[in-house]
Amino acid sequence: QVQLQESGPGLVKPSQTLSLTCTVSGGSIRTKYYYSSWIRQPPGKGMEWIGYIDYSGGTSYSPSLKSRTSISKDTSKNQFTLRLSSVTPTDTTVYFCASGTGAFVSWGQGTQVPVSP
């Protein structure tokens, strides 16, 4: 069973860079056709896709967040990391990681990241 766990700071200040890491167990992010994604859910809104990194290291980002987003991975640790720069209080929300392929995608439980002075 594939399990994912998000980790990161409890609080980020405006203008700083938010950094979250997703640790994957029970599966390898190097598996062919695996896509490892970050998603968030703003308060009162639906899920917002942030971006992904694929099994070969290719990345794709949401156009609305692309200028501030970077996703990388450490295959030796089976982890992938989100960096979102120049955050504002509007970036306060729950962040989820997900990884898998096709119909076999597993999600982390999500982590709340407040952005506040």
C-alpha atoms as a PDB file:
ATOM      1  CA  GLN A   1       0.000   0.000   0.000  1.00  0.00           C
ATOM      2  CA  VAL A   2       1.413   3.343  -1.074  1.00  0.00           C
ATOM      3  CA  GLN A   3       1.403   6.016   1.618  1.00  0.00           C
ATOM      4  CA  LEU A   4       2.310   9.683   1.387  1.00  0.00           C
ATOM      5  CA  GLN A   5       3.119  12.134   4.153  1.00  0.00           C
ATOM      6  CA  GLU A   6       3.494  15.883   3.787  1.00  0.00           C
ATOM      7  CA  SER A   7       5.913  17.756   6.030  1.00  0.00           C
ATOM      8  CA  GLY A   8       6.928  21.354   6.327  1.00  0.00           C
ATOM      9  CA  PRO A   9       6.918  24.448   8.536  1.00  0.00           C
ATOM     10  CA  GLY A  10       3.963  25.270  10.688  1.00  0.00           C
ATOM     11  CA  LEU A  11       3.971  28.923   9.684  1.00  0.00           C
ATOM     12  CA  VAL A  12       5.366  30.971   6.795  1.00  0.00           C
ATOM     13  CA  LYS A  13       5.684  34.748   6.751  1.00  0.00           C
ATOM     14  CA  PRO A  14       4.567  36.864   3.792  1.00  0.00           C
ATOM     15  CA  SER A  15       7.186  37.268   1.036  1.00  0.00           C
ATOM     16  CA  GLN A  16       8.998  34.109   2.176  1.00  0.00           C
ATOM     17  CA  THR A  17       9.215  30.797   0.340  1.00  0.00           C
ATOM     18  CA  LEU A  18       6.924  27.980   1.391  1.00  0.00           C
ATOM     19  CA  SER A  19       8.659  24.612   1.245  1.00  0.00           C
ATOM     20  CA  LEU A  20       6.849  21.284   1.666  1.00  0.00           C
ATOM     21  CA  THR A  21       8.187  17.769   1.274  1.00  0.00           C
ATOM     22  CA  CYS A  22       6.199  14.645   0.482  1.00  0.00           C
ATOM     23  CA  THR A  23       7.670  11.338   1.597  1.00  0.00           C
ATOM     24  CA  VAL A  24       6.414   8.281  -0.273  1.00  0.00           C
ATOM     25  CA  SER A  25       6.462   4.764   1.143  1.00  0.00           C
ATOM     26  CA  GLY A  26       5.295   1.496  -0.379  1.00  0.00           C
ATOM     27  CA  GLY A  27       6.034   2.704  -3.903  1.00  0.00           C
ATOM     28  CA  SER A  28       8.796   4.390  -5.901  1.00  0.00           C
ATOM     29  CA  ILE A  29       8.494   7.815  -7.530  1.00  0.00           C
ATOM     30  CA  ARG A  30      10.953   6.524 -10.144  1.00  0.00           C
ATOM     31  CA  THR A  31       8.381   4.023 -11.394  1.00  0.00           C
ATOM     32  CA  LYS A  32       7.718   4.540 -15.077  1.00  0.00           C
ATOM     33  CA  TYR A  33       4.717   6.784 -15.738  1.00  0.00           C
ATOM     34  CA  TYR A  34       4.500   7.902 -12.094  1.00  0.00           C
ATOM     35  CA  TYR A  35       3.418  11.504 -11.654  1.00  0.00           C
ATOM     36  CA  SER A  36       3.954  13.222  -8.299  1.00  0.00           C
ATOM     37  CA  SER A  37       1.743  16.224  -7.758  1.00  0.00           C
ATOM     38  CA  TRP A  38       0.951  19.043  -5.372  1.00  0.00           C
ATOM     39  CA  ILE A  39      -2.603  20.276  -4.947  1.00  0.00           C
ATOM     40  CA  ARG A  40      -4.195  22.744  -2.544  1.00  0.00           C
ATOM     41  CA  GLN A  41      -7.688  23.594  -1.437  1.00  0.00           C
ATOM     42  CA  PRO A  42      -8.332  27.257  -0.679  1.00  0.00           C
ATOM     43  CA  PRO A  43     -11.004  27.896   1.978  1.00  0.00           C
ATOM     44  CA  GLY A  44     -14.475  27.562   0.519  1.00  0.00           C
ATOM     45  CA  LYS A  45     -13.170  26.566  -2.900  1.00  0.00           C
ATOM     46  CA  GLY A  46     -12.435  23.438  -4.861  1.00  0.00           C
ATOM     47  CA  MET A  47      -9.127  21.701  -5.315  1.00  0.00           C
ATOM     48  CA  GLU A  48      -6.442  23.714  -7.116  1.00  0.00           C
ATOM     49  CA  TRP A  49      -3.725  21.847  -8.975  1.00  0.00           C
ATOM     50  CA  ILE A  50      -0.278  23.368  -8.397  1.00  0.00           C
ATOM     51  CA  GLY A  51       1.974  21.157 -10.511  1.00  0.00           C
ATOM     52  CA  TYR A  52       3.739  17.843 -10.894  1.00  0.00           C
ATOM     53  CA  ILE A  53       7.072  16.206 -11.454  1.00  0.00           C
ATOM     54  CA  ASP A  54       7.099  13.003 -13.440  1.00  0.00           C
ATOM     55  CA  TYR A  55       9.162   9.823 -13.239  1.00  0.00           C
ATOM     56  CA  SER A  56      11.797  11.237 -15.603  1.00  0.00           C
ATOM     57  CA  GLY A  57      12.084  14.598 -13.842  1.00  0.00           C
ATOM     58  CA  GLY A  58       9.893  16.581 -16.181  1.00  0.00           C
ATOM     59  CA  THR A  59       7.704  19.238 -14.571  1.00  0.00           C
ATOM     60  CA  SER A  60       4.485  21.070 -15.308  1.00  0.00           C
ATOM     61  CA  TYR A  61       2.912  23.899 -13.341  1.00  0.00           C
ATOM     62  CA  SER A  62      -0.388  25.704 -13.129  1.00  0.00           C
ATOM     63  CA  PRO A  63      -0.176  28.830 -15.304  1.00  0.00           C
ATOM     64  CA  SER A  64      -1.475  30.964 -12.451  1.00  0.00           C
ATOM     65  CA  LEU A  65       1.280  29.792 -10.091  1.00  0.00           C
ATOM     66  CA  LYS A  66       4.074  28.971 -12.525  1.00  0.00           C
ATOM     67  CA  SER A  67       6.153  32.074 -11.859  1.00  0.00           C
ATOM     68  CA  ARG A  68       6.361  31.231  -8.153  1.00  0.00           C
ATOM     69  CA  THR A  69       6.482  27.408  -8.196  1.00  0.00           C
ATOM     70  CA  SER A  70       9.239  24.840  -8.285  1.00  0.00           C
ATOM     71  CA  ILE A  71       8.874  21.094  -7.753  1.00  0.00           C
ATOM     72  CA  SER A  72      11.886  18.839  -7.358  1.00  0.00           C
ATOM     73  CA  LYS A  73      12.536  15.302  -6.194  1.00  0.00           C
ATOM     74  CA  ASP A  74      15.104  13.249  -4.316  1.00  0.00           C
ATOM     75  CA  THR A  75      14.782   9.704  -5.567  1.00  0.00           C
ATOM     76  CA  SER A  76      17.307   8.412  -3.025  1.00  0.00           C
ATOM     77  CA  LYS A  77      14.865   9.418  -0.286  1.00  0.00           C
ATOM     78  CA  ASN A  78      11.710   8.776  -2.345  1.00  0.00           C
ATOM     79  CA  GLN A  79      10.622  12.365  -1.696  1.00  0.00           C
ATOM     80  CA  PHE A  80       9.442  15.292  -3.752  1.00  0.00           C
ATOM     81  CA  THR A  81       9.401  18.923  -2.699  1.00  0.00           C
ATOM     82  CA  LEU A  82       7.250  21.960  -3.437  1.00  0.00           C
ATOM     83  CA  ARG A  83       8.658  25.465  -3.230  1.00  0.00           C
ATOM     84  CA  LEU A  84       6.260  28.391  -3.570  1.00  0.00           C
ATOM     85  CA  SER A  85       7.948  31.783  -3.428  1.00  0.00           C
ATOM     86  CA  SER A  86       6.718  35.250  -2.485  1.00  0.00           C
ATOM     87  CA  VAL A  87       3.783  33.914  -0.503  1.00  0.00           C
ATOM     88  CA  THR A  88       0.936  36.096   0.707  1.00  0.00           C
ATOM     89  CA  PRO A  89      -1.890  35.380   3.159  1.00  0.00           C
ATOM     90  CA  THR A  90      -3.972  34.196   0.181  1.00  0.00           C
ATOM     91  CA  ASP A  91      -1.626  31.180  -0.019  1.00  0.00           C
ATOM     92  CA  THR A  92      -2.899  30.057   3.384  1.00  0.00           C
ATOM     93  CA  THR A  93      -4.628  26.742   2.802  1.00  0.00           C
ATOM     94  CA  VAL A  94      -4.312  22.969   3.028  1.00  0.00           C
ATOM     95  CA  TYR A  95      -1.663  21.483   0.761  1.00  0.00           C
ATOM     96  CA  PHE A  96      -1.847  17.877  -0.481  1.00  0.00           C
ATOM     97  CA  CYS A  97       0.653  15.684  -2.268  1.00  0.00           C
ATOM     98  CA  ALA A  98      -0.354  12.827  -4.536  1.00  0.00           C
ATOM     99  CA  SER A  99       1.597  10.270  -6.504  1.00  0.00           C
ATOM    100  CA  GLY A 100       0.876   7.366  -8.795  1.00  0.00           C
ATOM    101  CA  THR A 101      -0.195   6.514 -12.288  1.00  0.00           C
ATOM    102  CA  GLY A 102      -3.516   6.156 -14.030  1.00  0.00           C
ATOM    103  CA  ALA A 103      -6.202   4.973 -11.660  1.00  0.00           C
ATOM    104  CA  PHE A 104      -3.637   4.134  -9.006  1.00  0.00           C
ATOM    105  CA  VAL A 105      -3.001   7.464  -7.322  1.00  0.00           C
ATOM    106  CA  SER A 106      -2.449   7.821  -3.597  1.00  0.00           C
ATOM    107  CA  TRP A 107      -2.863  11.011  -1.598  1.00  0.00           C
ATOM    108  CA  GLY A 108      -1.359  12.380   1.554  1.00  0.00           C
ATOM    109  CA  GLN A 109      -3.650  13.520   4.351  1.00  0.00           C
ATOM    110  CA  GLY A 110      -2.842  17.178   3.712  1.00  0.00           C
ATOM    111  CA  THR A 111      -1.118  19.821   5.785  1.00  0.00           C
ATOM    112  CA  GLN A 112      -2.390  23.263   6.715  1.00  0.00           C
ATOM    113  CA  VAL A 113       0.096  26.045   6.010  1.00  0.00           C
ATOM    114  CA  PRO A 114      -0.750  29.469   7.427  1.00  0.00           C
ATOM    115  CA  VAL A 115       0.917  32.529   5.924  1.00  0.00           C
ATOM    116  CA  SER A 116       0.991  35.260   8.530  1.00  0.00           C
ATOM    117  CA  PRO A 117       3.371  37.949   9.840  1.00  0.00           C
END
